[in-house]
Amino acid sequence: MTTSRRFRRVVRIGPVQVATYYDGRGREKHTAACTAPRCGFATDYDSRAAAELAARTHRCAVR
């Protein structure tokens, strides 16, 4: 069974969105996901700073 995630503090940095959510165990997690077509970049981090750094340094390979 999948859990629905409620994202909060959603910020857009270029084509990447950074958001905060609670995982299934109640821990706060942060995700960075690129919204460009066919990019596929999406990762989870334990700190907000790491997710924002990944968003700022991300370069899409597909152009």
N, C-alpha and C. Protein backbone atom coordinates (compact mmCIF):
# COMPACT_ATOMS: atom_id res chain seq x y z
N MET A 1 0.84 -1.18 0.00
CA MET A 1 0.00 0.00 0.00
C MET A 1 0.89 1.24 0.00
N THR A 2 0.60 2.15 -0.87
CA THR A 2 1.39 3.37 -0.95
C THR A 2 0.78 4.45 -0.06
N THR A 3 1.63 5.30 0.42
CA THR A 3 1.16 6.44 1.21
C THR A 3 1.14 7.68 0.35
N SER A 4 0.14 8.50 0.57
CA SER A 4 0.10 9.77 -0.16
C SER A 4 0.97 10.76 0.59
N ARG A 5 1.78 11.50 -0.14
CA ARG A 5 2.69 12.46 0.47
C ARG A 5 2.10 13.84 0.36
N ARG A 6 2.17 14.56 1.45
CA ARG A 6 1.74 15.95 1.44
C ARG A 6 2.99 16.80 1.43
N PHE A 7 3.23 17.42 0.31
CA PHE A 7 4.41 18.25 0.18
C PHE A 7 4.13 19.64 0.71
N ARG A 8 5.11 20.20 1.40
CA ARG A 8 4.99 21.56 1.91
C ARG A 8 6.29 22.28 1.63
N ARG A 9 6.28 23.58 1.75
CA ARG A 9 7.44 24.41 1.45
C ARG A 9 8.00 24.09 0.06
N VAL A 10 7.13 24.10 -0.92
CA VAL A 10 7.54 23.82 -2.30
C VAL A 10 8.15 25.07 -2.90
N VAL A 11 9.39 24.92 -3.42
CA VAL A 11 10.13 26.03 -4.03
C VAL A 11 10.62 25.56 -5.38
N ARG A 12 10.59 26.46 -6.34
CA ARG A 12 11.08 26.14 -7.68
C ARG A 12 12.40 26.87 -7.91
N ILE A 13 13.43 26.10 -8.24
CA ILE A 13 14.75 26.65 -8.56
C ILE A 13 15.07 26.20 -9.97
N GLY A 14 14.88 27.11 -10.93
CA GLY A 14 15.02 26.73 -12.33
C GLY A 14 13.95 25.71 -12.69
N PRO A 15 14.31 24.61 -13.35
CA PRO A 15 13.32 23.59 -13.68
C PRO A 15 13.09 22.59 -12.54
N VAL A 16 13.80 22.75 -11.42
CA VAL A 16 13.74 21.78 -10.32
C VAL A 16 12.85 22.30 -9.21
N GLN A 17 11.98 21.43 -8.70
CA GLN A 17 11.16 21.76 -7.55
C GLN A 17 11.72 21.07 -6.32
N VAL A 18 11.81 21.82 -5.22
CA VAL A 18 12.27 21.30 -3.94
C VAL A 18 11.10 21.35 -2.98
N ALA A 19 10.86 20.25 -2.25
CA ALA A 19 9.73 20.20 -1.32
C ALA A 19 10.11 19.38 -0.09
N THR A 20 9.36 19.61 0.99
CA THR A 20 9.55 18.90 2.25
C THR A 20 8.32 18.05 2.51
N TYR A 21 8.53 16.83 3.05
CA TYR A 21 7.43 15.94 3.38
C TYR A 21 7.85 15.02 4.52
N TYR A 22 6.90 14.31 5.10
CA TYR A 22 7.18 13.29 6.12
C TYR A 22 7.07 11.93 5.47
N ASP A 23 8.08 11.07 5.69
CA ASP A 23 8.03 9.73 5.11
C ASP A 23 7.09 8.85 5.95
N GLY A 24 7.00 7.59 5.61
CA GLY A 24 6.09 6.67 6.28
C GLY A 24 6.41 6.43 7.74
N ARG A 25 7.61 6.75 8.17
CA ARG A 25 8.02 6.56 9.57
C ARG A 25 7.99 7.86 10.36
N GLY A 26 7.47 8.92 9.77
CA GLY A 26 7.34 10.19 10.47
C GLY A 26 8.57 11.06 10.45
N ARG A 27 9.57 10.69 9.67
CA ARG A 27 10.78 11.50 9.56
C ARG A 27 10.60 12.55 8.48
N GLU A 28 11.17 13.72 8.72
CA GLU A 28 11.10 14.79 7.74
C GLU A 28 12.12 14.53 6.64
N LYS A 29 11.67 14.55 5.39
CA LYS A 29 12.54 14.34 4.23
C LYS A 29 12.36 15.50 3.28
N HIS A 30 13.33 15.65 2.38
CA HIS A 30 13.31 16.72 1.40
C HIS A 30 13.60 16.11 0.05
N THR A 31 12.90 16.55 -0.96
CA THR A 31 13.08 15.99 -2.29
C THR A 31 13.36 17.09 -3.30
N ALA A 32 14.13 16.73 -4.32
CA ALA A 32 14.40 17.63 -5.45
C ALA A 32 14.04 16.85 -6.71
N ALA A 33 13.17 17.42 -7.53
CA ALA A 33 12.72 16.74 -8.75
C ALA A 33 12.67 17.73 -9.90
N CYS A 34 13.25 17.33 -11.03
CA CYS A 34 13.26 18.17 -12.22
C CYS A 34 11.95 17.99 -12.97
N THR A 35 11.39 19.10 -13.44
CA THR A 35 10.10 19.06 -14.14
C THR A 35 10.26 19.13 -15.65
N ALA A 36 11.50 19.12 -16.14
CA ALA A 36 11.72 19.17 -17.59
C ALA A 36 11.31 17.84 -18.22
N PRO A 37 10.78 17.86 -19.43
CA PRO A 37 10.37 16.63 -20.10
C PRO A 37 11.56 15.69 -20.33
N ARG A 38 11.36 14.43 -20.07
CA ARG A 38 12.33 13.35 -20.27
C ARG A 38 13.60 13.49 -19.45
N CYS A 39 13.61 14.26 -18.39
CA CYS A 39 14.82 14.41 -17.58
C CYS A 39 14.95 13.25 -16.58
N GLY A 40 13.97 13.05 -15.73
CA GLY A 40 13.98 11.93 -14.80
C GLY A 40 14.77 12.14 -13.52
N PHE A 41 15.25 13.33 -13.25
CA PHE A 41 16.03 13.60 -12.03
C PHE A 41 15.08 13.79 -10.85
N ALA A 42 15.20 12.93 -9.85
CA ALA A 42 14.44 13.06 -8.62
C ALA A 42 15.17 12.31 -7.52
N THR A 43 15.49 12.99 -6.42
CA THR A 43 16.20 12.38 -5.31
C THR A 43 15.66 12.89 -3.98
N ASP A 44 15.83 12.08 -2.94
CA ASP A 44 15.43 12.44 -1.59
C ASP A 44 16.67 12.72 -0.75
N TYR A 45 16.55 13.67 0.17
CA TYR A 45 17.66 14.06 1.03
C TYR A 45 17.15 14.19 2.46
N ASP A 46 18.09 14.12 3.41
CA ASP A 46 17.75 14.29 4.82
C ASP A 46 17.73 15.76 5.23
N SER A 47 18.43 16.62 4.48
CA SER A 47 18.46 18.04 4.84
C SER A 47 17.96 18.89 3.68
N ARG A 48 17.34 19.98 4.03
CA ARG A 48 16.81 20.91 3.03
C ARG A 48 17.95 21.56 2.24
N ALA A 49 19.04 21.85 2.91
CA ALA A 49 20.17 22.49 2.24
C ALA A 49 20.74 21.60 1.14
N ALA A 50 20.81 20.30 1.40
CA ALA A 50 21.32 19.37 0.39
C ALA A 50 20.39 19.32 -0.82
N ALA A 51 19.09 19.33 -0.60
CA ALA A 51 18.13 19.29 -1.70
C ALA A 51 18.21 20.58 -2.53
N GLU A 52 18.36 21.72 -1.88
CA GLU A 52 18.46 22.98 -2.61
C GLU A 52 19.78 23.08 -3.36
N LEU A 53 20.86 22.55 -2.80
CA LEU A 53 22.14 22.53 -3.51
C LEU A 53 22.05 21.66 -4.75
N ALA A 54 21.40 20.51 -4.64
CA ALA A 54 21.22 19.63 -5.80
C ALA A 54 20.39 20.33 -6.88
N ALA A 55 19.39 21.10 -6.47
CA ALA A 55 18.56 21.82 -7.43
C ALA A 55 19.35 22.91 -8.15
N ARG A 56 20.20 23.60 -7.41
CA ARG A 56 20.98 24.68 -8.01
C ARG A 56 22.06 24.16 -8.96
N THR A 57 22.62 23.00 -8.69
CA THR A 57 23.70 22.47 -9.51
C THR A 57 23.23 21.49 -10.58
N HIS A 58 21.94 21.17 -10.62
CA HIS A 58 21.43 20.21 -11.61
C HIS A 58 21.48 20.76 -13.02
N ARG A 59 21.95 19.95 -13.93
CA ARG A 59 21.95 20.27 -15.35
C ARG A 59 21.28 19.13 -16.09
N CYS A 60 20.26 19.43 -16.85
CA CYS A 60 19.54 18.39 -17.60
C CYS A 60 20.41 17.89 -18.75
N ALA A 61 20.51 16.59 -18.88
CA ALA A 61 21.26 16.00 -19.98
C ALA A 61 20.46 16.05 -21.28
N VAL A 62 19.15 16.03 -21.16
CA VAL A 62 18.27 16.05 -22.34
C VAL A 62 17.98 17.49 -22.71
N ARG A 63 18.26 17.87 -23.92
CA ARG A 63 17.99 19.25 -24.37
C ARG A 63 17.22 19.23 -25.66
